[in-house]
Amino acid sequence: MTIIEQQDVSDFIANILIVEDDESLASWMKKYLLLKNFAVTVITRGDLAVDYIKKHNPDIVVLDGMLPGLDGFDVCKAVRPAFTNAIIMVTARDEEIDEVLGLDAGADDYVTKPLRARALLARIDKWLKRQSTVMLQEPIVENKTHNDDGIKLTLGSFIIDAQARSVILDDKVINISTNEFDLLWILAQRAGQVVARSELMMLLKGYEYDGFDRTVDLRISKLRKKLQDNTSQPYRIKTIWGKGYLLVKDAW
């Protein structure tokens, strides 16, 4: 049976969408998050979730990987180009391939079943704080313009707009995910300078690099493909071995 449950969001701190076909698990998450003063919507089909996300723009999406109608990875791909808030993927299997698939589809974070209440709440709180904080430092690059629409950085044919969260290269809009944009914006602000992986991890994930997390590397790889970089010998986003990554000023 398809379930869509909603509450009036006016008295809550944030609207959380749970997309989960296990009704007992969805009910447990809903009750717990309601106690924490969140508005909660529950949807049990992936195809219905796509329509809801596009129409209502929830603050956080907690998205199961295996769903009827459309699986969670395809839901993520369908909404990611326009949806800028966080998507937390949930899967029953604790395998690296699922994490890679989730991140590749555009998810921002990843948790495995069985879910722990405090761990889920911590992730939700982390992403809400990130979304409520404007992480715009003053760019170091010279080609910076301020207007009513916000801040834009221009490097030749490359334009990145912080307010619209859009990227244009050679007069074409490049579709990138929220987490890819966050990484690109940090590198673009410091174009011509090396940014350490440890610093990127702290800015993007909120914790120190442990030597194993491949999140930054995966996002760099995807950005290179989308920005028409040479993946075997990158000239736009370079890897500076032992130090970090460098977005080249004169490669656009």
C-alpha atoms as a PDB file:
ATOM      1  CA  MET A   1       0.000   0.000   0.000  1.00  0.00           C
ATOM      2  CA  THR A   2       1.313   3.420  -0.920  1.00  0.00           C
ATOM      3  CA  ILE A   3       1.526   5.833   1.975  1.00  0.00           C
ATOM      4  CA  ILE A   4       1.957   9.584   1.918  1.00  0.00           C
ATOM      5  CA  GLU A   5       1.700  11.197   5.349  1.00  0.00           C
ATOM      6  CA  GLN A   6       2.143  14.911   5.894  1.00  0.00           C
ATOM      7  CA  GLN A   7       1.766  17.466   8.683  1.00  0.00           C
ATOM      8  CA  ASP A   8       1.375  21.209   8.767  1.00  0.00           C
ATOM      9  CA  VAL A   9       4.987  22.455   8.757  1.00  0.00           C
ATOM     10  CA  SER A  10       4.322  25.900  10.211  1.00  0.00           C
ATOM     11  CA  ASP A  11       5.279  24.996  13.798  1.00  0.00           C
ATOM     12  CA  PHE A  12       8.297  22.801  13.001  1.00  0.00           C
ATOM     13  CA  ILE A  13      11.966  23.585  12.563  1.00  0.00           C
ATOM     14  CA  ALA A  14      12.409  21.680   9.290  1.00  0.00           C
ATOM     15  CA  ASN A  15      10.534  19.429   6.895  1.00  0.00           C
ATOM     16  CA  ILE A  16      11.989  15.928   6.584  1.00  0.00           C
ATOM     17  CA  LEU A  17      10.906  13.616   3.782  1.00  0.00           C
ATOM     18  CA  ILE A  18      11.283   9.901   4.534  1.00  0.00           C
ATOM     19  CA  VAL A  19      11.123   7.663   1.459  1.00  0.00           C
ATOM     20  CA  GLU A  20      10.934   4.127   2.836  1.00  0.00           C
ATOM     21  CA  ASP A  21       8.745   1.158   1.863  1.00  0.00           C
ATOM     22  CA  ASP A  22       9.287  -0.657   5.178  1.00  0.00           C
ATOM     23  CA  GLU A  23       6.254   0.792   6.948  1.00  0.00           C
ATOM     24  CA  SER A  24       7.382  -0.204  10.449  1.00  0.00           C
ATOM     25  CA  LEU A  25      10.781   1.441   9.959  1.00  0.00           C
ATOM     26  CA  ALA A  26       9.208   4.536   8.394  1.00  0.00           C
ATOM     27  CA  SER A  27       6.789   4.769  11.318  1.00  0.00           C
ATOM     28  CA  TRP A  28       9.639   4.504  13.824  1.00  0.00           C
ATOM     29  CA  MET A  29      11.649   7.247  12.084  1.00  0.00           C
ATOM     30  CA  LYS A  30       8.588   9.461  11.838  1.00  0.00           C
ATOM     31  CA  LYS A  31       7.728   9.157  15.525  1.00  0.00           C
ATOM     32  CA  TYR A  32      11.311   9.798  16.588  1.00  0.00           C
ATOM     33  CA  LEU A  33      11.743  12.872  14.374  1.00  0.00           C
ATOM     34  CA  LEU A  34       8.371  14.276  15.420  1.00  0.00           C
ATOM     35  CA  LEU A  35       9.581  14.114  19.020  1.00  0.00           C
ATOM     36  CA  LYS A  36      12.560  16.197  17.912  1.00  0.00           C
ATOM     37  CA  ASN A  37      10.151  18.826  16.545  1.00  0.00           C
ATOM     38  CA  PHE A  38      10.571  18.090  12.831  1.00  0.00           C
ATOM     39  CA  ALA A  39       7.741  18.020  10.324  1.00  0.00           C
ATOM     40  CA  VAL A  40       7.787  14.600   8.694  1.00  0.00           C
ATOM     41  CA  THR A  41       6.393  13.350   5.404  1.00  0.00           C
ATOM     42  CA  VAL A  42       6.455   9.618   4.641  1.00  0.00           C
ATOM     43  CA  ILE A  43       6.310   8.243   1.098  1.00  0.00           C
ATOM     44  CA  THR A  44       6.669   4.543   0.285  1.00  0.00           C
ATOM     45  CA  ARG A  45       7.221   4.685  -3.512  1.00  0.00           C
ATOM     46  CA  GLY A  46      10.148   6.146  -5.380  1.00  0.00           C
ATOM     47  CA  ASP A  47       8.143   7.539  -8.304  1.00  0.00           C
ATOM     48  CA  LEU A  48       5.833   9.452  -5.943  1.00  0.00           C
ATOM     49  CA  ALA A  49       8.873  10.792  -4.085  1.00  0.00           C
ATOM     50  CA  VAL A  50      10.213  12.433  -7.250  1.00  0.00           C
ATOM     51  CA  ASP A  51       6.996  14.396  -7.727  1.00  0.00           C
ATOM     52  CA  TYR A  52       6.880  15.401  -4.058  1.00  0.00           C
ATOM     53  CA  ILE A  53      10.481  16.612  -3.958  1.00  0.00           C
ATOM     54  CA  LYS A  54      10.062  18.719  -7.087  1.00  0.00           C
ATOM     55  CA  LYS A  55       6.858  20.278  -5.774  1.00  0.00           C
ATOM     56  CA  HIS A  56       7.602  20.759  -2.062  1.00  0.00           C
ATOM     57  CA  ASN A  57      11.406  21.057  -1.826  1.00  0.00           C
ATOM     58  CA  PRO A  58      11.838  19.405   1.616  1.00  0.00           C
ATOM     59  CA  ASP A  59      14.744  20.460   3.826  1.00  0.00           C
ATOM     60  CA  ILE A  60      16.167  16.923   4.074  1.00  0.00           C
ATOM     61  CA  VAL A  61      15.394  13.705   2.190  1.00  0.00           C
ATOM     62  CA  VAL A  62      16.072  10.373   3.915  1.00  0.00           C
ATOM     63  CA  LEU A  63      15.982   8.018   0.952  1.00  0.00           C
ATOM     64  CA  ASP A  64      15.978   4.215   1.001  1.00  0.00           C
ATOM     65  CA  GLY A  65      17.976   2.516  -1.735  1.00  0.00           C
ATOM     66  CA  MET A  66      15.455  -0.208  -2.579  1.00  0.00           C
ATOM     67  CA  LEU A  67      11.952   1.083  -3.356  1.00  0.00           C
ATOM     68  CA  PRO A  68       8.951   0.108  -5.491  1.00  0.00           C
ATOM     69  CA  GLY A  69       8.132   2.268  -8.494  1.00  0.00           C
ATOM     70  CA  LEU A  70      11.651   3.694  -8.757  1.00  0.00           C
ATOM     71  CA  ASP A  71      14.673   2.758  -6.665  1.00  0.00           C
ATOM     72  CA  GLY A  72      16.396   5.283  -4.452  1.00  0.00           C
ATOM     73  CA  PHE A  73      19.422   5.721  -6.707  1.00  0.00           C
ATOM     74  CA  ASP A  74      17.192   6.621  -9.670  1.00  0.00           C
ATOM     75  CA  VAL A  75      15.132   8.961  -7.476  1.00  0.00           C
ATOM     76  CA  CYS A  76      18.336  10.725  -6.521  1.00  0.00           C
ATOM     77  CA  LYS A  77      19.431  11.065 -10.143  1.00  0.00           C
ATOM     78  CA  ALA A  78      16.000  12.360 -11.177  1.00  0.00           C
ATOM     79  CA  VAL A  79      15.813  15.189  -8.630  1.00  0.00           C
ATOM     80  CA  ARG A  80      19.471  16.074  -8.138  1.00  0.00           C
ATOM     81  CA  PRO A  81      19.890  18.622 -10.959  1.00  0.00           C
ATOM     82  CA  ALA A  82      17.306  20.971  -9.394  1.00  0.00           C
ATOM     83  CA  PHE A  83      17.174  19.885  -5.731  1.00  0.00           C
ATOM     84  CA  THR A  84      19.858  21.640  -3.673  1.00  0.00           C
ATOM     85  CA  ASN A  85      19.073  20.369  -0.159  1.00  0.00           C
ATOM     86  CA  ALA A  86      20.610  17.265   1.371  1.00  0.00           C
ATOM     87  CA  ILE A  87      19.797  13.688   0.397  1.00  0.00           C
ATOM     88  CA  ILE A  88      20.776  11.008   2.922  1.00  0.00           C
ATOM     89  CA  MET A  89      20.786   7.548   1.338  1.00  0.00           C
ATOM     90  CA  VAL A  90      19.829   4.484   3.395  1.00  0.00           C
ATOM     91  CA  THR A  91      20.664   0.899   2.476  1.00  0.00           C
ATOM     92  CA  ALA A  92      20.431  -2.474   4.151  1.00  0.00           C
ATOM     93  CA  ARG A  93      23.928  -3.487   3.074  1.00  0.00           C
ATOM     94  CA  ASP A  94      27.160  -2.130   4.508  1.00  0.00           C
ATOM     95  CA  GLU A  95      29.155  -2.371   1.303  1.00  0.00           C
ATOM     96  CA  GLU A  96      31.455   0.177  -0.302  1.00  0.00           C
ATOM     97  CA  ILE A  97      29.831  -0.302  -3.722  1.00  0.00           C
ATOM     98  CA  ASP A  98      26.507   0.945  -2.346  1.00  0.00           C
ATOM     99  CA  GLU A  99      28.189   4.022  -0.897  1.00  0.00           C
ATOM    100  CA  VAL A 100      29.871   4.736  -4.233  1.00  0.00           C
ATOM    101  CA  LEU A 101      26.571   4.258  -6.099  1.00  0.00           C
ATOM    102  CA  GLY A 102      24.792   6.590  -3.728  1.00  0.00           C
ATOM    103  CA  LEU A 103      27.406   9.318  -3.983  1.00  0.00           C
ATOM    104  CA  ASP A 104      27.604   8.843  -7.742  1.00  0.00           C
ATOM    105  CA  ALA A 105      23.831   9.342  -7.982  1.00  0.00           C
ATOM    106  CA  GLY A 106      24.216  12.651  -6.141  1.00  0.00           C
ATOM    107  CA  ALA A 107      23.550  11.751  -2.507  1.00  0.00           C
ATOM    108  CA  ASP A 108      25.140  13.958   0.147  1.00  0.00           C
ATOM    109  CA  ASP A 109      25.440  11.398   2.916  1.00  0.00           C
ATOM    110  CA  TYR A 110      25.002   7.718   3.574  1.00  0.00           C
ATOM    111  CA  VAL A 111      23.746   5.513   6.446  1.00  0.00           C
ATOM    112  CA  THR A 112      23.191   1.763   6.697  1.00  0.00           C
ATOM    113  CA  LYS A 113      20.518  -0.325   8.351  1.00  0.00           C
ATOM    114  CA  PRO A 114      19.884  -1.069  11.131  1.00  0.00           C
ATOM    115  CA  LEU A 115      19.522   2.651  11.713  1.00  0.00           C
ATOM    116  CA  ARG A 116      20.522   4.208  15.005  1.00  0.00           C
ATOM    117  CA  ALA A 117      18.342   7.092  16.105  1.00  0.00           C
ATOM    118  CA  ARG A 118      21.128   9.361  17.323  1.00  0.00           C
ATOM    119  CA  ALA A 119      23.275   8.719  14.274  1.00  0.00           C
ATOM    120  CA  LEU A 120      20.402   9.634  11.956  1.00  0.00           C
ATOM    121  CA  LEU A 121      19.613  12.759  13.976  1.00  0.00           C
ATOM    122  CA  ALA A 122      23.275  13.807  13.948  1.00  0.00           C
ATOM    123  CA  ARG A 123      23.392  13.622  10.156  1.00  0.00           C
ATOM    124  CA  ILE A 124      20.147  15.547   9.772  1.00  0.00           C
ATOM    125  CA  ASP A 125      21.350  18.247  12.175  1.00  0.00           C
ATOM    126  CA  LYS A 126      24.684  18.491  10.365  1.00  0.00           C
ATOM    127  CA  TRP A 127      23.092  19.087   6.975  1.00  0.00           C
ATOM    128  CA  LEU A 128      20.519  21.531   8.327  1.00  0.00           C
ATOM    129  CA  LYS A 129      23.321  23.574   9.869  1.00  0.00           C
ATOM    130  CA  ARG A 130      25.235  23.535   6.602  1.00  0.00           C
ATOM    131  CA  GLN A 131      22.167  24.622   4.667  1.00  0.00           C
ATOM    132  CA  SER A 132      21.432  27.468   7.084  1.00  0.00           C
ATOM    133  CA  THR A 133      25.006  28.760   7.008  1.00  0.00           C
ATOM    134  CA  VAL A 134      26.202  30.633   3.945  1.00  0.00           C
ATOM    135  CA  MET A 135      29.615  29.129   3.331  1.00  0.00           C
ATOM    136  CA  LEU A 136      30.840  31.911   1.071  1.00  0.00           C
ATOM    137  CA  GLN A 137      34.333  33.121   1.829  1.00  0.00           C
ATOM    138  CA  GLU A 138      35.755  36.066  -0.054  1.00  0.00           C
ATOM    139  CA  PRO A 139      37.251  34.684  -3.285  1.00  0.00           C
ATOM    140  CA  ILE A 140      40.934  35.143  -3.875  1.00  0.00           C
ATOM    141  CA  VAL A 141      40.567  35.231  -7.656  1.00  0.00           C
ATOM    142  CA  GLU A 142      40.442  38.653  -9.247  1.00  0.00           C
ATOM    143  CA  ASN A 143      37.586  37.955 -11.681  1.00  0.00           C
ATOM    144  CA  LYS A 144      34.811  38.429  -9.132  1.00  0.00           C
ATOM    145  CA  THR A 145      31.566  40.335  -9.584  1.00  0.00           C
ATOM    146  CA  HIS A 146      28.951  41.347  -7.016  1.00  0.00           C
ATOM    147  CA  ASN A 147      25.383  42.170  -7.983  1.00  0.00           C
ATOM    148  CA  ASP A 148      21.836  41.723  -6.739  1.00  0.00           C
ATOM    149  CA  ASP A 149      22.004  38.055  -7.626  1.00  0.00           C
ATOM    150  CA  GLY A 150      25.041  37.311  -5.440  1.00  0.00           C
ATOM    151  CA  ILE A 151      28.644  36.426  -6.291  1.00  0.00           C
ATOM    152  CA  LYS A 152      29.999  35.087  -9.557  1.00  0.00           C
ATOM    153  CA  LEU A 153      33.487  33.906 -10.377  1.00  0.00           C
ATOM    154  CA  THR A 154      34.716  34.063 -13.964  1.00  0.00           C
ATOM    155  CA  LEU A 155      37.776  32.342 -15.382  1.00  0.00           C
ATOM    156  CA  GLY A 156      37.757  32.694 -19.166  1.00  0.00           C
ATOM    157  CA  SER A 157      34.780  30.712 -20.452  1.00  0.00           C
ATOM    158  CA  PHE A 158      34.132  29.261 -16.992  1.00  0.00           C
ATOM    159  CA  ILE A 159      31.496  30.965 -14.813  1.00  0.00           C
ATOM    160  CA  ILE A 160      30.367  29.771 -11.395  1.00  0.00           C
ATOM    161  CA  ASP A 161      27.433  31.546  -9.740  1.00  0.00           C
ATOM    162  CA  ALA A 162      27.178  31.079  -5.969  1.00  0.00           C
ATOM    163  CA  GLN A 163      23.633  32.411  -5.624  1.00  0.00           C
ATOM    164  CA  ALA A 164      22.125  30.384  -8.476  1.00  0.00           C
ATOM    165  CA  ARG A 165      24.508  27.508  -7.735  1.00  0.00           C
ATOM    166  CA  SER A 166      25.080  27.189 -11.453  1.00  0.00           C
ATOM    167  CA  VAL A 167      28.128  26.430 -13.578  1.00  0.00           C
ATOM    168  CA  ILE A 168      28.608  27.554 -17.177  1.00  0.00           C
ATOM    169  CA  LEU A 169      31.442  26.414 -19.420  1.00  0.00           C
ATOM    170  CA  ASP A 170      31.775  27.542 -23.042  1.00  0.00           C
ATOM    171  CA  ASP A 171      28.260  29.059 -22.849  1.00  0.00           C
ATOM    172  CA  LYS A 172      26.762  25.716 -21.794  1.00  0.00           C
ATOM    173  CA  VAL A 173      25.175  24.983 -18.425  1.00  0.00           C
ATOM    174  CA  ILE A 174      26.929  22.108 -16.657  1.00  0.00           C
ATOM    175  CA  ASN A 175      24.655  19.987 -14.468  1.00  0.00           C
ATOM    176  CA  ILE A 176      26.400  19.200 -11.209  1.00  0.00           C
ATOM    177  CA  SER A 177      25.116  17.977  -7.863  1.00  0.00           C
ATOM    178  CA  THR A 178      24.996  20.000  -4.654  1.00  0.00           C
ATOM    179  CA  ASN A 179      28.054  18.339  -3.167  1.00  0.00           C
ATOM    180  CA  GLU A 180      29.993  18.713  -6.420  1.00  0.00           C
ATOM    181  CA  PHE A 181      29.155  22.420  -6.491  1.00  0.00           C
ATOM    182  CA  ASP A 182      30.331  22.862  -2.892  1.00  0.00           C
ATOM    183  CA  LEU A 183      33.698  21.327  -3.747  1.00  0.00           C
ATOM    184  CA  LEU A 184      34.054  23.279  -6.988  1.00  0.00           C
ATOM    185  CA  TRP A 185      33.200  26.571  -5.265  1.00  0.00           C
ATOM    186  CA  ILE A 186      35.939  26.049  -2.679  1.00  0.00           C
ATOM    187  CA  LEU A 187      38.516  25.279  -5.384  1.00  0.00           C
ATOM    188  CA  ALA A 188      37.347  28.166  -7.594  1.00  0.00           C
ATOM    189  CA  GLN A 189      37.674  30.677  -4.772  1.00  0.00           C
ATOM    190  CA  ARG A 190      41.307  29.644  -4.438  1.00  0.00           C
ATOM    191  CA  ALA A 191      42.073  29.184  -8.117  1.00  0.00           C
ATOM    192  CA  GLY A 192      45.819  28.913  -8.591  1.00  0.00           C
ATOM    193  CA  GLN A 193      46.371  27.654  -5.051  1.00  0.00           C
ATOM    194  CA  VAL A 194      46.625  24.141  -3.669  1.00  0.00           C
ATOM    195  CA  VAL A 195      43.819  23.166  -1.281  1.00  0.00           C
ATOM    196  CA  ALA A 196      44.707  20.279   1.029  1.00  0.00           C
ATOM    197  CA  ARG A 197      42.479  17.197   1.060  1.00  0.00           C
ATOM    198  CA  SER A 198      42.256  17.455   4.857  1.00  0.00           C
ATOM    199  CA  GLU A 199      40.896  21.011   4.570  1.00  0.00           C
ATOM    200  CA  LEU A 200      38.398  19.970   1.902  1.00  0.00           C
ATOM    201  CA  MET A 201      37.165  17.131   4.115  1.00  0.00           C
ATOM    202  CA  MET A 202      36.689  19.479   7.048  1.00  0.00           C
ATOM    203  CA  LEU A 203      34.810  22.058   4.961  1.00  0.00           C
ATOM    204  CA  LEU A 204      32.668  19.531   3.091  1.00  0.00           C
ATOM    205  CA  LYS A 205      32.066  16.823   5.674  1.00  0.00           C
ATOM    206  CA  GLY A 206      32.759  18.493   8.995  1.00  0.00           C
ATOM    207  CA  TYR A 207      35.431  16.051  10.158  1.00  0.00           C
ATOM    208  CA  GLU A 208      39.117  15.368   9.587  1.00  0.00           C
ATOM    209  CA  TYR A 209      40.406  13.167   6.794  1.00  0.00           C
ATOM    210  CA  ASP A 210      41.099   9.661   8.123  1.00  0.00           C
ATOM    211  CA  GLY A 211      43.175   8.450   5.184  1.00  0.00           C
ATOM    212  CA  PHE A 212      40.418   6.175   3.868  1.00  0.00           C
ATOM    213  CA  ASP A 213      37.406   8.324   2.935  1.00  0.00           C
ATOM    214  CA  ARG A 214      37.191   8.605  -0.882  1.00  0.00           C
ATOM    215  CA  THR A 215      34.427  11.209  -0.988  1.00  0.00           C
ATOM    216  CA  VAL A 216      36.627  14.074  -2.229  1.00  0.00           C
ATOM    217  CA  ASP A 217      38.411  11.889  -4.791  1.00  0.00           C
ATOM    218  CA  LEU A 218      35.101  10.670  -6.203  1.00  0.00           C
ATOM    219  CA  ARG A 219      33.727  14.195  -6.520  1.00  0.00           C
ATOM    220  CA  ILE A 220      36.937  15.399  -8.179  1.00  0.00           C
ATOM    221  CA  SER A 221      36.708  12.560 -10.705  1.00  0.00           C
ATOM    222  CA  LYS A 222      33.098  13.435 -11.554  1.00  0.00           C
ATOM    223  CA  LEU A 223      33.887  17.153 -11.841  1.00  0.00           C
ATOM    224  CA  ARG A 224      36.731  16.478 -14.237  1.00  0.00           C
ATOM    225  CA  LYS A 225      34.437  14.536 -16.563  1.00  0.00           C
ATOM    226  CA  LYS A 226      31.731  17.205 -16.468  1.00  0.00           C
ATOM    227  CA  LEU A 227      34.209  20.055 -16.973  1.00  0.00           C
ATOM    228  CA  GLN A 228      35.776  18.327 -19.994  1.00  0.00           C
ATOM    229  CA  ASP A 229      39.084  17.839 -18.231  1.00  0.00           C
ATOM    230  CA  ASN A 230      41.552  15.184 -19.343  1.00  0.00           C
ATOM    231  CA  THR A 231      40.911  12.447 -16.788  1.00  0.00           C
ATOM    232  CA  SER A 232      44.251  10.702 -17.454  1.00  0.00           C
ATOM    233  CA  GLN A 233      46.298  13.923 -17.428  1.00  0.00           C
ATOM    234  CA  PRO A 234      44.099  16.618 -15.815  1.00  0.00           C
ATOM    235  CA  TYR A 235      44.916  20.196 -16.689  1.00  0.00           C
ATOM    236  CA  ARG A 236      41.943  21.999 -15.118  1.00  0.00           C
ATOM    237  CA  ILE A 237      41.752  20.335 -11.719  1.00  0.00           C
ATOM    238  CA  LYS A 238      45.198  18.972 -10.924  1.00  0.00           C
ATOM    239  CA  THR A 239      46.166  16.514  -8.228  1.00  0.00           C
ATOM    240  CA  ILE A 240      49.213  17.779  -6.354  1.00  0.00           C
ATOM    241  CA  TRP A 241      50.469  14.550  -4.852  1.00  0.00           C
ATOM    242  CA  GLY A 242      50.944  14.642  -1.111  1.00  0.00           C
ATOM    243  CA  LYS A 243      49.349  18.083  -0.868  1.00  0.00           C
ATOM    244  CA  GLY A 244      45.868  18.331  -2.359  1.00  0.00           C
ATOM    245  CA  TYR A 245      44.053  19.711  -5.405  1.00  0.00           C
ATOM    246  CA  LEU A 246      44.560  22.773  -7.577  1.00  0.00           C
ATOM    247  CA  LEU A 247      42.066  24.462  -9.902  1.00  0.00           C
ATOM    248  CA  VAL A 248      44.189  26.026 -12.649  1.00  0.00           C
ATOM    249  CA  LYS A 249      43.409  29.674 -13.461  1.00  0.00           C
ATOM    250  CA  ASP A 250      44.489  29.665 -17.105  1.00  0.00           C
ATOM    251  CA  ALA A 251      42.903  26.401 -18.265  1.00  0.00           C
ATOM    252  CA  TRP A 252      39.532  27.766 -19.342  1.00  0.00           C
END
